Amino acid sequence: MIDIISHGRLPDGHTLEDLRAMGLPLPGELIRETQADGTILIKQVAPSDLAANAFRCDTPAQ
């Protein structure tokens, strides 16, 4: 399930509430890092980083 979530998807048949009830992170709360040897690390994003990047705007400032 963690692999699916790390790709930003919900596992089939599960809701966000299901994941929280199981103590799992939600899509977007994990990052994947590929190491030089090809190893893939899956890391949970710190809640403070999620809060800091919660709002994104694609419109240029005027």
C-alpha atoms as a PDB file:
ATOM      1  CA  MET A   1       0.000   0.000   0.000  1.00  0.00           C
ATOM      2  CA  ILE A   2       2.834   2.400   0.813  1.00  0.00           C
ATOM      3  CA  ASP A   3       4.198   2.039  -2.728  1.00  0.00           C
ATOM      4  CA  ILE A   4       0.817   2.954  -4.228  1.00  0.00           C
ATOM      5  CA  ILE A   5       0.403   5.894  -1.839  1.00  0.00           C
ATOM      6  CA  SER A   6       3.939   7.128  -2.628  1.00  0.00           C
ATOM      7  CA  HIS A   7       2.868   7.461  -6.272  1.00  0.00           C
ATOM      8  CA  GLY A   8       0.102   9.837  -5.153  1.00  0.00           C
ATOM      9  CA  ARG A   9      -2.755   7.358  -5.567  1.00  0.00           C
ATOM     10  CA  LEU A  10      -5.285   5.774  -3.235  1.00  0.00           C
ATOM     11  CA  PRO A  11      -5.177   1.983  -3.073  1.00  0.00           C
ATOM     12  CA  ASP A  12      -8.210   0.450  -4.796  1.00  0.00           C
ATOM     13  CA  GLY A  13     -11.183   0.103  -2.490  1.00  0.00           C
ATOM     14  CA  HIS A  14      -9.833   2.477   0.161  1.00  0.00           C
ATOM     15  CA  THR A  15     -10.722   6.038   1.146  1.00  0.00           C
ATOM     16  CA  LEU A  16      -8.673   8.761   2.820  1.00  0.00           C
ATOM     17  CA  GLU A  17     -10.503   7.932   6.045  1.00  0.00           C
ATOM     18  CA  ASP A  18      -9.515   4.262   5.710  1.00  0.00           C
ATOM     19  CA  LEU A  19      -5.844   5.184   5.397  1.00  0.00           C
ATOM     20  CA  ARG A  20      -5.982   7.476   8.443  1.00  0.00           C
ATOM     21  CA  ALA A  21      -7.777   4.785  10.463  1.00  0.00           C
ATOM     22  CA  MET A  22      -4.937   2.373   9.615  1.00  0.00           C
ATOM     23  CA  GLY A  23      -2.332   4.960  10.602  1.00  0.00           C
ATOM     24  CA  LEU A  24      -1.057   5.341   7.048  1.00  0.00           C
ATOM     25  CA  PRO A  25      -0.045   8.583   5.339  1.00  0.00           C
ATOM     26  CA  LEU A  26      -2.237  10.097   2.640  1.00  0.00           C
ATOM     27  CA  PRO A  27      -1.197  10.548  -0.998  1.00  0.00           C
ATOM     28  CA  GLY A  28       1.023  13.617  -1.172  1.00  0.00           C
ATOM     29  CA  GLU A  29       2.481  12.991   2.278  1.00  0.00           C
ATOM     30  CA  LEU A  30       5.231  10.723   0.924  1.00  0.00           C
ATOM     31  CA  ILE A  31       8.151  11.388  -1.397  1.00  0.00           C
ATOM     32  CA  ARG A  32      10.173   8.911  -3.436  1.00  0.00           C
ATOM     33  CA  GLU A  33      13.933   9.326  -3.794  1.00  0.00           C
ATOM     34  CA  THR A  34      16.044   7.251  -6.157  1.00  0.00           C
ATOM     35  CA  GLN A  35      19.578   6.675  -4.912  1.00  0.00           C
ATOM     36  CA  ALA A  36      22.643   6.404  -7.182  1.00  0.00           C
ATOM     37  CA  ASP A  37      22.554   2.587  -6.895  1.00  0.00           C
ATOM     38  CA  GLY A  38      18.915   2.472  -8.019  1.00  0.00           C
ATOM     39  CA  THR A  39      17.470   1.958  -4.546  1.00  0.00           C
ATOM     40  CA  ILE A  40      14.170   3.770  -4.040  1.00  0.00           C
ATOM     41  CA  LEU A  41      13.617   5.393  -0.657  1.00  0.00           C
ATOM     42  CA  ILE A  42      10.095   6.318   0.395  1.00  0.00           C
ATOM     43  CA  LYS A  43      10.002   9.048   3.026  1.00  0.00           C
ATOM     44  CA  GLN A  44       7.163  10.731   4.836  1.00  0.00           C
ATOM     45  CA  VAL A  45       7.024  14.509   4.481  1.00  0.00           C
ATOM     46  CA  ALA A  46       7.180  16.381   7.790  1.00  0.00           C
ATOM     47  CA  PRO A  47       3.817  17.932   8.757  1.00  0.00           C
ATOM     48  CA  SER A  48       5.505  21.343   9.019  1.00  0.00           C
ATOM     49  CA  ASP A  49       6.659  21.047   5.391  1.00  0.00           C
ATOM     50  CA  LEU A  50       3.156  20.090   4.282  1.00  0.00           C
ATOM     51  CA  ALA A  51       1.698  23.137   6.037  1.00  0.00           C
ATOM     52  CA  ALA A  52       4.349  25.455   4.600  1.00  0.00           C
ATOM     53  CA  ASN A  53       3.595  24.310   1.049  1.00  0.00           C
ATOM     54  CA  ALA A  54      -0.177  23.925   1.362  1.00  0.00           C
ATOM     55  CA  PHE A  55      -1.044  26.861  -0.919  1.00  0.00           C
ATOM     56  CA  ARG A  56       0.332  27.032  -4.430  1.00  0.00           C
ATOM     57  CA  CYS A  57      -0.606  29.565  -7.056  1.00  0.00           C
ATOM     58  CA  ASP A  58       0.354  29.340 -10.711  1.00  0.00           C
ATOM     59  CA  THR A  59      -0.661  32.917 -11.404  1.00  0.00           C
ATOM     60  CA  PRO A  60       2.290  35.334 -11.571  1.00  0.00           C
ATOM     61  CA  ALA A  61       2.363  38.089  -8.948  1.00  0.00           C
ATOM     62  CA  GLN A  62       1.279  41.474 -10.233  1.00  0.00           C
END
